[in-house]
Every structure is written in C-alpha cells, then in structure tokens.
Amino acid sequence: MNYEEAVAYIHSIYWRGSKLGLVRVTELLELMGNPQDSLKFVHVAGTNGKGSTTTMISNILRASGYTVGSFISPYVTRFNERIQLNNREIEDDELAELTDYVRTFADAMPNSPTEFEVITAIAFEYYKRKNCDIVVVEVGLGGKLDSTNVIKTPEVAVITPIDFDHTHVLGNTLAEIASAKAGIIKKNGIVVTHPQHKEALDVLAEACSEQNAKLIIADTSPIKLNERSIDGQCFDYGDYKNLKIRLAGSYQLNNSAVALNAIFALRSRGWNIPDDAVYNGLANAKWPARFEVLSKNPIFIVDGGHNPHGVRGTLSSLMNYFPNEKITFILGVMADKDVSEIVSLLAPVAESFYTAAPNNDRAMPAEQLAELIKKFGVPATPCASVSDAVHAAISHIEKGGKICAVGSLYMAGEVRQCFDLE
C-alpha cells in the first residue's frame, strides 16, 4: 500500500451496523495489542479552542525535552497534519505502512470500524512505535463516545469552552453537551477546564465528584495584556511576565490560561517542565486558520470559526484590532450549522460578503447562502469556488480595507492554498 492508497482506504471506510460508542475501536485496538495502554496522555475536549490549546501544551512539553505526539482533528490542508510527532507530520511512507498494518485487523472485524476509529488506531500505534513520552490528544466529537476515549485515566483532562455545536449528536442543552464532554473525566484524574456557563460547569463538577477527580477551573483574571498586534500578543499571567504568543486572536489569551493550568497540573504529577520551556513553548506555538494573517496588503485574515460561539470569538478579535471598521467577509458554512445566527452576528460589521461552498457534501450552496445574507441588508456575491471568492474579494477591496474568511475549517484549508505560505 502506498500513500495515496492508504488515504483512499481511510476515507473509504463507512458505518456498518448500528452499534454506537467504543465497541468497534475497543475491539480493533485489542486485536492490535492495545498500543494506547503503553502511552501517557493529555486529553482535550470542548466546543472551541481545542486545537490552539493542544498546540500550546504540546509545544511547552516539547520545549521541556519530551518526545510529544499530537493527535489533531480535523486537518486544515493535508491529512498528515492529524498525526504529528514533535510538530512534524507523519511521513507518507509511515502512514502507508501503518494503514496497511491496521487494515489487516480492521478488515477481519465483522462490524467494520469507522474512518475516525481507524485513524485513531493508526495514531496510537504510531506513537507507541515512536516511544512517545506523552501524547496530547484532541477529541474528534463530544468526548464520552469519541474513539479517543478508549484511553485510561490521562495525566490531565482538559476541557475548553463548551457551547452549542453538533446538537443533533450531543444534545440541545448545555448540560447535555457538557455531559458528552465530561465523558473524558476518568477515575482519580485531574481536570482543567476553561471557565464555563454554570449549567455546563455543574455537570463537570458532578462528573469529577463521581470519579474522585480533581477539578481545576483555569483562572483568567490574572491575564494582563501588555501588547497586541496582528503578529501576536504579549501578556502577563500571574508570576509569568511578558509571555509571548504568535496567535493573534483575542480568545487565545484565555486558551493560554487553560494551557498553562494544564502544565501546572502536569507538574503536580511529576513532569519536569521548567519555566523557560513555558516561555519558549508558547512563543513557538503556531496554529493554522485561527485568526491567521495571510496577507498584510490587503489585510487578509482566515479564522476557522464554524459555529456561533467561534464566530463571536472572531468578531471580538476583529473589533479589538479594527474598531469601527467594516469588514469584507468570505463566508462558507456547513448547512447543518446555525447559519442564520452566524450571519446575524457578522452582518452588523460587514461591508459585503462573498460566499462559496467548501469542498464538502454538507456545505450550503453559495447561492442559497448569499440569498440568506441579503435578507440582513448586506450585499452578497455568490462565487463558484473558494478560490474565486478569495480573488474576487481581493480584487474589489478598497485601499485600507480588511478581508476575513470565516465559517468553516474545511473552507479555511482552501483559502490558505490561495496564498504562498512558507
């Protein structure tokens, strides 16, 4: 099996049977000898901020001298982004060999595993073979029934902001959604959470009590912003002065606080993480498509906000950097999202919209999205592709204008491909 065949095989897997939960992935990993049981983990769940928090924690651990795996979901540009070792994507030939190995077991199962279950198994086997000291794992969807939740009690469980998304799967209330996320809380563990709505926090607290787990609510009040630009931010957090991050979104300060508290929790479990690793790890953390500046002339930003909570974060950042300015938006969304709410949030600060359908079966057609936007009194131009939307926005922007592409991580990858990125 070569790389192209491996990726084709992974994407070809589909649901067979009706059993939900961890039955299939548990069986698959048992057939493989349970590679996950030889690893230590940081497990990260939440609605938004998982990827940024994961990369901050991973970079600090790497700066401490550890061999660190990072399991990311979803990828932005290339499949290999999902499985990383010390910030390097898995090599094509390694992915092909591991997929061939896992396929032997997966194809023998009467109840075939899903795509994400196979990817999870590939990742765990990869990290075992690489003798990782620790793996930072991002939940794919929810928590309790997510494939990654086959792991035993992690070194620390991290829960980023909880809000409404994937309600058709996770539930229609914050309590139901929080209950799904709380599934990663294991017996006698340590849980670090972003400050949550009371409805969600109550669920997390109850789960911690049931599991005899320690709950730490990351305190965001010590954050003191010293300097902010589209190139990054400098801030204090308690005794840590002049911490620097390259991540420009205003919400990244709160993500930093969560990551730092996770690091403090790891220290309490005996991990050797010196202060200089905290500074260097945060300074080196990069994450694509999260308020990422792709161009400065004109200013062109891509942000993967794909639900109302994420879009509010995008808007907060835009208003901090460009107060009282109108923004030209490139918008592409999945039809199963709360599209009306997303548009209602963006419309008041929008100069105009260019709409496009990301390359995904769930994407809302550009024409349908443009018609919806026009009902909010803002001009909207449907485009045949994401690339066409990018070029149209740039060609029509007035001097000093600002462009922001938002609405879907699937679109963000296509937007980034329009730029010559190093």
Protein backbone atom coordinates (compact mmCIF):
# COMPACT_ATOMS: atom_id res chain seq x y z
CA MET A 1 0.00 0.00 0.00
CA ASN A 2 1.39 3.42 -0.98
CA TYR A 3 0.41 6.79 0.50
CA GLU A 4 -2.37 7.52 -1.98
CA GLU A 5 -3.85 4.06 -1.46
CA ALA A 6 -3.64 4.49 2.32
CA VAL A 7 -5.53 7.78 2.32
CA ALA A 8 -8.10 6.38 -0.13
CA TYR A 9 -8.64 3.38 2.14
CA ILE A 10 -9.06 5.57 5.24
CA HIS A 11 -11.61 7.79 3.52
CA SER A 12 -13.50 4.82 2.08
CA ILE A 13 -14.45 3.35 5.47
CA TYR A 14 -18.05 3.84 6.46
CA TRP A 15 -20.50 2.79 9.19
CA ARG A 16 -21.70 -0.81 9.09
CA GLY A 17 -24.13 -1.92 11.76
CA SER A 18 -25.85 0.21 14.37
CA LYS A 19 -23.70 -0.16 17.49
CA LEU A 20 -22.63 3.22 18.86
CA GLY A 21 -19.87 4.07 21.28
CA LEU A 22 -16.49 2.45 21.77
CA VAL A 23 -17.29 -1.15 20.85
CA ARG A 24 -15.58 -1.21 17.46
CA VAL A 25 -12.48 0.80 18.32
CA THR A 26 -12.03 -1.21 21.51
CA GLU A 27 -12.15 -4.45 19.54
CA LEU A 28 -9.76 -3.09 16.90
CA LEU A 29 -7.21 -1.94 19.45
CA GLU A 30 -7.44 -5.21 21.37
CA LEU A 31 -6.63 -7.09 18.16
CA MET A 32 -3.59 -4.80 17.83
CA GLY A 33 -2.43 -5.44 21.39
CA ASN A 34 -3.78 -2.18 22.85
CA PRO A 35 -0.95 0.17 21.86
CA GLN A 36 -2.64 3.02 23.76
CA ASP A 37 -2.07 1.29 27.09
CA SER A 38 1.68 1.87 26.82
CA LEU A 39 1.25 5.64 26.41
CA LYS A 40 0.57 8.63 28.65
CA PHE A 41 -1.93 11.25 27.51
CA VAL A 42 -3.29 14.75 27.84
CA HIS A 43 -6.89 14.52 26.63
CA VAL A 44 -8.50 17.70 25.25
CA ALA A 45 -12.26 18.13 24.71
CA GLY A 46 -14.51 21.17 24.23
CA THR A 47 -16.52 23.04 21.61
CA ASN A 48 -13.92 25.61 20.52
CA GLY A 49 -10.26 26.21 21.25
CA LYS A 50 -9.18 22.55 21.32
CA GLY A 51 -6.59 22.85 18.57
CA SER A 52 -4.95 26.01 19.87
CA THR A 53 -4.84 24.66 23.42
CA THR A 54 -3.43 21.36 22.18
CA THR A 55 -0.61 23.04 20.28
CA MET A 56 0.32 25.26 23.25
CA ILE A 57 0.53 22.29 25.61
CA SER A 58 2.42 20.20 23.05
CA ASN A 59 4.97 22.93 22.38
CA ILE A 60 5.65 23.52 26.08
CA LEU A 61 6.18 19.79 26.63
CA ARG A 62 8.44 19.59 23.61
CA ALA A 63 10.46 22.57 24.86
CA SER A 64 10.87 20.62 28.10
CA GLY A 65 12.72 17.90 26.20
CA TYR A 66 9.93 15.34 25.91
CA THR A 67 9.02 13.34 22.81
CA VAL A 68 5.50 14.57 22.18
CA GLY A 69 2.75 13.25 19.96
CA SER A 70 -0.16 15.46 18.87
CA PHE A 71 -3.39 13.98 17.52
CA ILE A 72 -5.43 16.69 15.79
CA SER A 73 -8.96 16.79 14.43
CA PRO A 74 -9.73 17.84 11.76
CA TYR A 75 -6.83 18.73 9.47
CA VAL A 76 -6.77 22.04 7.59
CA THR A 77 -4.71 21.43 4.46
CA ARG A 78 -3.28 17.91 4.41
CA PHE A 79 -4.33 14.64 6.06
CA ASN A 80 -0.92 14.07 7.69
CA GLU A 81 -1.50 17.10 9.95
CA ARG A 82 -3.71 14.88 12.08
CA ILE A 83 -0.83 12.75 13.37
CA GLN A 84 2.23 14.72 14.48
CA LEU A 85 5.41 13.95 16.40
CA ASN A 86 7.34 16.89 17.85
CA ASN A 87 5.43 19.21 15.48
CA ARG A 88 6.35 17.15 12.41
CA GLU A 89 3.61 15.46 10.41
CA ILE A 90 3.76 11.71 9.96
CA GLU A 91 5.75 10.79 6.84
CA ASP A 92 3.84 9.48 3.83
CA ASP A 93 5.58 6.10 3.85
CA GLU A 94 4.99 5.68 7.58
CA LEU A 95 1.29 6.43 7.19
CA ALA A 96 1.07 3.92 4.34
CA GLU A 97 2.84 1.17 6.30
CA LEU A 98 0.76 1.74 9.44
CA THR A 99 -2.51 1.85 7.50
CA ASP A 100 -1.61 -1.46 5.87
CA TYR A 101 -0.90 -2.88 9.33
CA VAL A 102 -4.17 -1.65 10.87
CA ARG A 103 -6.16 -2.71 7.80
CA THR A 104 -5.24 -6.35 8.47
CA PHE A 105 -7.16 -6.21 11.74
CA ALA A 106 -9.93 -3.83 10.65
CA ASP A 107 -10.93 -5.86 7.59
CA ALA A 108 -11.22 -9.00 9.71
CA MET A 109 -13.83 -7.46 12.01
CA PRO A 110 -17.47 -8.45 11.32
CA ASN A 111 -18.59 -4.99 12.46
CA SER A 112 -16.23 -2.76 10.50
CA PRO A 113 -14.72 0.27 12.25
CA THR A 114 -15.40 3.81 11.12
CA GLU A 115 -12.95 6.15 9.44
CA PHE A 116 -12.11 8.02 12.64
CA GLU A 117 -11.71 4.78 14.57
CA VAL A 118 -9.14 3.55 12.05
CA ILE A 119 -7.31 6.88 12.17
CA THR A 120 -7.25 6.71 15.97
CA ALA A 121 -5.80 3.20 15.85
CA ILE A 122 -3.14 4.26 13.33
CA ALA A 123 -2.16 7.20 15.53
CA PHE A 124 -1.89 5.15 18.74
CA GLU A 125 0.25 2.51 17.01
CA TYR A 126 2.47 5.25 15.54
CA TYR A 127 3.03 6.91 18.91
CA LYS A 128 3.79 3.56 20.53
CA ARG A 129 6.42 2.78 17.89
CA LYS A 130 7.96 6.23 18.32
CA ASN A 131 8.24 5.74 22.10
CA CYS A 132 6.41 8.98 22.86
CA ASP A 133 6.77 10.27 26.39
CA ILE A 134 3.33 11.82 26.20
CA VAL A 135 0.59 12.34 23.60
CA VAL A 136 -1.76 15.33 23.51
CA VAL A 137 -5.00 14.02 22.02
CA GLU A 138 -7.78 16.21 20.71
CA VAL A 139 -11.27 14.71 20.87
CA GLY A 140 -12.91 14.30 17.48
CA LEU A 141 -16.53 14.80 18.56
CA GLY A 142 -18.02 15.10 22.03
CA GLY A 143 -15.98 13.00 24.42
CA LYS A 144 -17.83 10.14 26.07
CA LEU A 145 -18.39 8.14 22.88
CA ASP A 146 -15.44 9.53 20.91
CA SER A 147 -12.92 6.97 19.67
CA THR A 148 -10.10 8.63 21.58
CA ASN A 149 -11.90 7.90 24.85
CA VAL A 150 -10.62 4.33 24.91
CA ILE A 151 -7.59 5.65 26.81
CA LYS A 152 -7.32 5.12 30.54
CA THR A 153 -7.07 7.99 33.04
CA PRO A 154 -4.94 10.67 31.33
CA GLU A 155 -2.26 12.68 33.06
CA VAL A 156 -4.67 15.58 32.77
CA ALA A 157 -8.02 16.04 31.04
CA VAL A 158 -8.58 19.50 29.53
CA ILE A 159 -11.96 20.96 28.65
CA THR A 160 -12.05 24.13 26.56
CA PRO A 161 -15.16 26.38 26.24
CA ILE A 162 -18.41 24.44 25.92
CA ASP A 163 -21.15 25.87 23.73
CA PHE A 164 -23.73 24.80 21.17
CA ASP A 165 -22.47 22.71 18.25
CA HIS A 166 -23.25 19.26 16.84
CA THR A 167 -26.54 19.45 18.74
CA HIS A 168 -28.05 16.66 16.62
CA VAL A 169 -25.49 14.31 18.18
CA LEU A 170 -24.56 15.84 21.55
CA GLY A 171 -27.88 17.32 22.69
CA ASN A 172 -29.83 20.57 22.63
CA THR A 173 -28.87 21.96 26.05
CA LEU A 174 -25.54 22.99 27.52
CA ALA A 175 -25.99 20.35 30.21
CA GLU A 176 -26.39 17.59 27.60
CA ILE A 177 -23.39 18.83 25.61
CA ALA A 178 -21.30 19.15 28.78
CA SER A 179 -22.27 15.61 29.74
CA ALA A 180 -20.78 14.34 26.48
CA LYS A 181 -17.57 16.32 27.07
CA ALA A 182 -17.43 15.13 30.69
CA GLY A 183 -17.07 11.59 29.41
CA ILE A 184 -13.30 12.08 29.25
CA ILE A 185 -13.19 12.56 33.05
CA LYS A 186 -11.74 9.35 34.49
CA LYS A 187 -11.28 7.95 38.00
CA ASN A 188 -8.77 9.78 40.22
CA GLY A 189 -7.79 12.12 37.39
CA ILE A 190 -7.08 15.83 37.16
CA VAL A 191 -9.41 18.00 35.10
CA VAL A 192 -8.57 21.53 33.93
CA THR A 193 -11.48 23.47 32.46
CA HIS A 194 -11.97 26.85 30.90
CA PRO A 195 -14.49 28.92 32.90
CA GLN A 196 -17.88 27.61 31.77
CA HIS A 197 -21.53 28.60 31.88
CA LYS A 198 -22.95 27.45 35.23
CA GLU A 199 -25.15 24.86 33.51
CA ALA A 200 -22.09 23.21 31.97
CA LEU A 201 -19.82 23.67 34.98
CA ASP A 202 -22.31 21.95 37.27
CA VAL A 203 -22.20 18.87 35.04
CA LEU A 204 -18.40 18.82 35.02
CA ALA A 205 -18.27 19.23 38.81
CA GLU A 206 -20.69 16.37 39.31
CA ALA A 207 -18.68 14.11 36.98
CA CYS A 208 -15.48 14.94 38.86
CA SER A 209 -17.17 14.14 42.16
CA GLU A 210 -18.37 10.78 40.84
CA GLN A 211 -14.90 9.91 39.56
CA ASN A 212 -13.00 11.31 42.54
CA ALA A 213 -11.22 13.61 40.08
CA LYS A 214 -9.74 16.98 40.96
CA LEU A 215 -11.40 19.90 39.15
CA ILE A 216 -9.33 22.99 38.37
CA ILE A 217 -11.09 25.99 36.81
CA ALA A 218 -8.48 27.97 34.91
CA ASP A 219 -8.48 31.49 36.34
CA THR A 220 -8.45 34.07 33.52
CA SER A 221 -8.44 37.09 35.85
CA PRO A 222 -4.60 37.22 36.18
CA ILE A 223 -4.27 37.81 32.43
CA LYS A 224 -2.81 41.27 31.77
CA LEU A 225 -2.42 42.22 28.13
CA ASN A 226 0.77 44.22 27.53
CA GLU A 227 0.85 44.42 23.76
CA ARG A 228 -1.26 43.23 20.85
CA SER A 229 -0.75 43.30 17.09
CA ILE A 230 -1.78 41.09 14.19
CA ASP A 231 1.64 39.46 14.54
CA GLY A 232 0.98 38.23 18.08
CA GLN A 233 0.43 39.17 21.71
CA CYS A 234 2.43 39.77 24.88
CA PHE A 235 0.81 39.30 28.28
CA ASP A 236 1.37 38.55 31.95
CA TYR A 237 -0.20 35.62 33.76
CA GLY A 238 0.37 35.85 37.49
CA ASP A 239 4.08 35.42 38.17
CA TYR A 240 4.80 34.88 34.47
CA LYS A 241 5.66 38.24 32.93
CA ASN A 242 5.80 39.11 29.24
CA LEU A 243 4.67 35.78 27.87
CA LYS A 244 4.54 35.95 24.07
CA ILE A 245 2.35 34.10 21.60
CA ARG A 246 2.22 34.34 17.83
CA LEU A 247 -1.51 33.59 17.86
CA ALA A 248 -3.34 36.87 17.29
CA GLY A 249 -6.95 36.09 18.20
CA SER A 250 -8.09 37.78 21.40
CA TYR A 251 -9.58 34.46 22.56
CA GLN A 252 -6.07 32.97 22.56
CA LEU A 253 -5.28 34.64 25.88
CA ASN A 254 -7.94 32.53 27.59
CA ASN A 255 -6.72 29.45 25.71
CA SER A 256 -3.23 30.24 27.04
CA ALA A 257 -4.55 30.33 30.60
CA VAL A 258 -6.12 26.90 30.14
CA ALA A 259 -2.90 25.52 28.64
CA LEU A 260 -0.82 26.97 31.48
CA ASN A 261 -3.07 25.44 34.11
CA ALA A 262 -2.76 22.10 32.34
CA ILE A 263 1.02 22.47 32.53
CA PHE A 264 0.80 23.28 36.24
CA ALA A 265 -1.30 20.13 36.71
CA LEU A 266 1.31 18.06 34.86
CA ARG A 267 4.00 19.46 37.16
CA SER A 268 1.95 18.29 40.14
CA ARG A 269 2.13 14.79 38.67
CA GLY A 270 5.91 14.89 38.46
CA TRP A 271 6.53 16.12 34.93
CA ASN A 272 9.68 18.26 34.72
CA ILE A 273 8.60 21.44 32.92
CA PRO A 274 10.95 24.39 33.58
CA ASP A 275 9.83 28.00 33.27
CA ASP A 276 11.97 28.65 30.20
CA ALA A 277 10.10 25.83 28.43
CA VAL A 278 6.83 27.61 29.24
CA TYR A 279 8.08 30.82 27.61
CA ASN A 280 9.69 29.10 24.61
CA GLY A 281 6.83 26.68 24.07
CA LEU A 282 4.18 29.39 24.00
CA ALA A 283 6.35 31.61 21.77
CA ASN A 284 6.80 28.81 19.22
CA ALA A 285 3.19 27.64 19.15
CA LYS A 286 1.58 28.04 15.73
CA TRP A 287 -1.88 27.02 14.63
CA PRO A 288 -3.24 27.49 11.10
CA ALA A 289 -6.59 29.13 10.36
CA ARG A 290 -7.17 30.58 13.83
CA PHE A 291 -7.21 34.32 13.21
CA GLU A 292 -4.25 33.72 10.92
CA VAL A 293 -2.95 36.68 8.91
CA LEU A 294 -2.35 35.51 5.35
CA SER A 295 -1.62 38.93 3.85
CA LYS A 296 -0.96 42.46 5.05
CA ASN A 297 -1.65 44.24 1.76
CA PRO A 298 -4.55 44.00 1.89
CA ILE A 299 -5.00 42.63 5.39
CA PHE A 300 -6.47 39.19 4.87
CA ILE A 301 -7.36 37.02 7.85
CA VAL A 302 -8.68 33.46 7.93
CA ASP A 303 -10.40 32.15 11.04
CA GLY A 304 -11.90 28.72 11.46
CA GLY A 305 -14.89 29.93 13.49
CA HIS A 306 -17.59 27.50 12.37
CA ASN A 307 -20.36 27.91 14.96
CA PRO A 308 -21.89 30.94 16.72
CA HIS A 309 -19.53 30.72 19.70
CA GLY A 310 -16.50 30.56 17.41
CA VAL A 311 -17.76 33.42 15.24
CA ARG A 312 -18.25 35.58 18.34
CA GLY A 313 -14.57 34.99 19.08
CA THR A 314 -13.67 36.01 15.53
CA LEU A 315 -15.72 39.20 15.82
CA SER A 316 -14.22 40.07 19.19
CA SER A 317 -10.75 39.84 17.66
CA LEU A 318 -11.72 41.89 14.60
CA MET A 319 -13.21 44.63 16.79
CA ASN A 320 -10.12 44.71 19.01
CA TYR A 321 -7.78 45.16 16.04
CA PHE A 322 -10.02 47.18 13.73
CA PRO A 323 -12.54 49.09 15.86
CA ASN A 324 -15.38 50.79 14.00
CA GLU A 325 -14.24 49.39 10.65
CA LYS A 326 -16.39 47.46 8.22
CA ILE A 327 -15.08 44.07 7.13
CA THR A 328 -15.40 42.24 3.82
CA PHE A 329 -16.24 38.63 4.65
CA ILE A 330 -15.72 35.47 2.67
CA LEU A 331 -18.24 33.04 4.11
CA GLY A 332 -18.65 29.32 3.58
CA VAL A 333 -20.59 27.17 6.03
CA MET A 334 -21.91 23.69 6.57
CA ALA A 335 -25.69 23.60 6.09
CA ASP A 336 -26.19 21.77 9.40
CA LYS A 337 -24.78 24.69 11.41
CA ASP A 338 -26.84 27.55 12.85
CA VAL A 339 -26.28 29.57 9.69
CA SER A 340 -28.84 32.30 10.42
CA GLU A 341 -27.23 33.00 13.79
CA ILE A 342 -23.76 33.14 12.21
CA VAL A 343 -24.94 35.62 9.56
CA SER A 344 -26.81 37.74 12.11
CA LEU A 345 -23.58 38.08 14.10
CA LEU A 346 -21.45 39.08 11.11
CA ALA A 347 -23.90 41.30 9.24
CA PRO A 348 -23.69 44.41 11.50
CA VAL A 349 -19.93 44.78 10.89
CA ALA A 350 -19.92 43.62 7.27
CA GLU A 351 -19.09 45.79 4.29
CA SER A 352 -20.09 42.94 1.98
CA PHE A 353 -19.94 39.16 1.63
CA TYR A 354 -18.53 36.78 -0.93
CA THR A 355 -19.99 33.32 -0.47
CA ALA A 356 -18.60 29.94 -1.52
CA ALA A 357 -19.35 26.30 -0.83
CA PRO A 358 -16.39 24.48 0.75
CA ASN A 359 -15.49 21.13 -0.78
CA ASN A 360 -17.72 19.08 1.49
CA ASP A 361 -21.02 17.31 0.94
CA ARG A 362 -22.56 19.15 3.92
CA ALA A 363 -21.71 22.61 2.56
CA MET A 364 -24.51 25.13 1.98
CA PRO A 365 -24.63 26.20 -1.70
CA ALA A 366 -23.12 29.64 -2.29
CA GLU A 367 -26.29 30.97 -3.91
CA GLN A 368 -28.50 29.88 -1.02
CA LEU A 369 -26.12 31.43 1.50
CA ALA A 370 -25.97 34.70 -0.46
CA GLU A 371 -29.77 34.94 -0.54
CA LEU A 372 -29.91 34.45 3.22
CA ILE A 373 -27.32 37.18 3.77
CA LYS A 374 -29.22 39.65 1.60
CA LYS A 375 -32.20 39.32 3.96
CA PHE A 376 -29.98 41.02 6.56
CA GLY A 377 -29.50 44.01 4.27
CA VAL A 378 -25.87 43.34 3.28
CA PRO A 379 -24.58 42.82 -0.30
CA ALA A 380 -23.56 39.22 -1.03
CA THR A 381 -21.94 37.78 -4.14
CA PRO A 382 -22.03 34.01 -4.67
CA CYS A 383 -18.84 32.55 -6.17
CA ALA A 384 -18.24 29.28 -7.99
CA SER A 385 -15.39 28.25 -5.68
CA VAL A 386 -13.49 29.30 -2.58
CA SER A 387 -10.58 30.35 -4.79
CA ASP A 388 -12.91 32.55 -6.88
CA ALA A 389 -14.24 34.15 -3.70
CA VAL A 390 -10.72 34.93 -2.46
CA HIS A 391 -9.71 36.52 -5.74
CA ALA A 392 -12.97 38.45 -6.07
CA ALA A 393 -12.66 39.89 -2.56
CA ILE A 394 -9.04 40.94 -3.09
CA SER A 395 -9.73 42.50 -6.50
CA HIS A 396 -12.66 44.57 -5.20
CA ILE A 397 -11.31 45.64 -1.81
CA GLU A 398 -10.66 49.34 -1.45
CA LYS A 399 -7.33 50.61 -0.14
CA GLY A 400 -7.14 50.06 3.60
CA GLY A 401 -9.97 47.53 3.55
CA LYS A 402 -9.91 44.33 5.59
CA ILE A 403 -10.90 40.83 4.49
CA CYS A 404 -11.81 37.95 6.78
CA ALA A 405 -12.61 34.42 5.62
CA VAL A 406 -14.69 32.61 8.22
CA GLY A 407 -17.32 29.92 8.64
CA SER A 408 -15.67 26.54 8.20
CA LEU A 409 -12.34 24.84 8.77
CA TYR A 410 -12.98 22.98 5.52
CA MET A 411 -13.02 26.33 3.73
CA ALA A 412 -10.00 27.61 5.66
CA GLY A 413 -7.77 24.99 4.09
CA GLU A 414 -8.89 26.02 0.61
CA VAL A 415 -8.34 29.69 1.44
CA ARG A 416 -4.80 29.05 2.67
CA GLN A 417 -3.96 27.27 -0.57
CA CYS A 418 -4.56 30.54 -2.42
CA PHE A 419 -1.55 32.11 -0.71
CA ASP A 420 2.17 31.46 -0.98
CA LEU A 421 2.75 30.27 2.56
CA GLU A 422 6.17 29.26 3.85
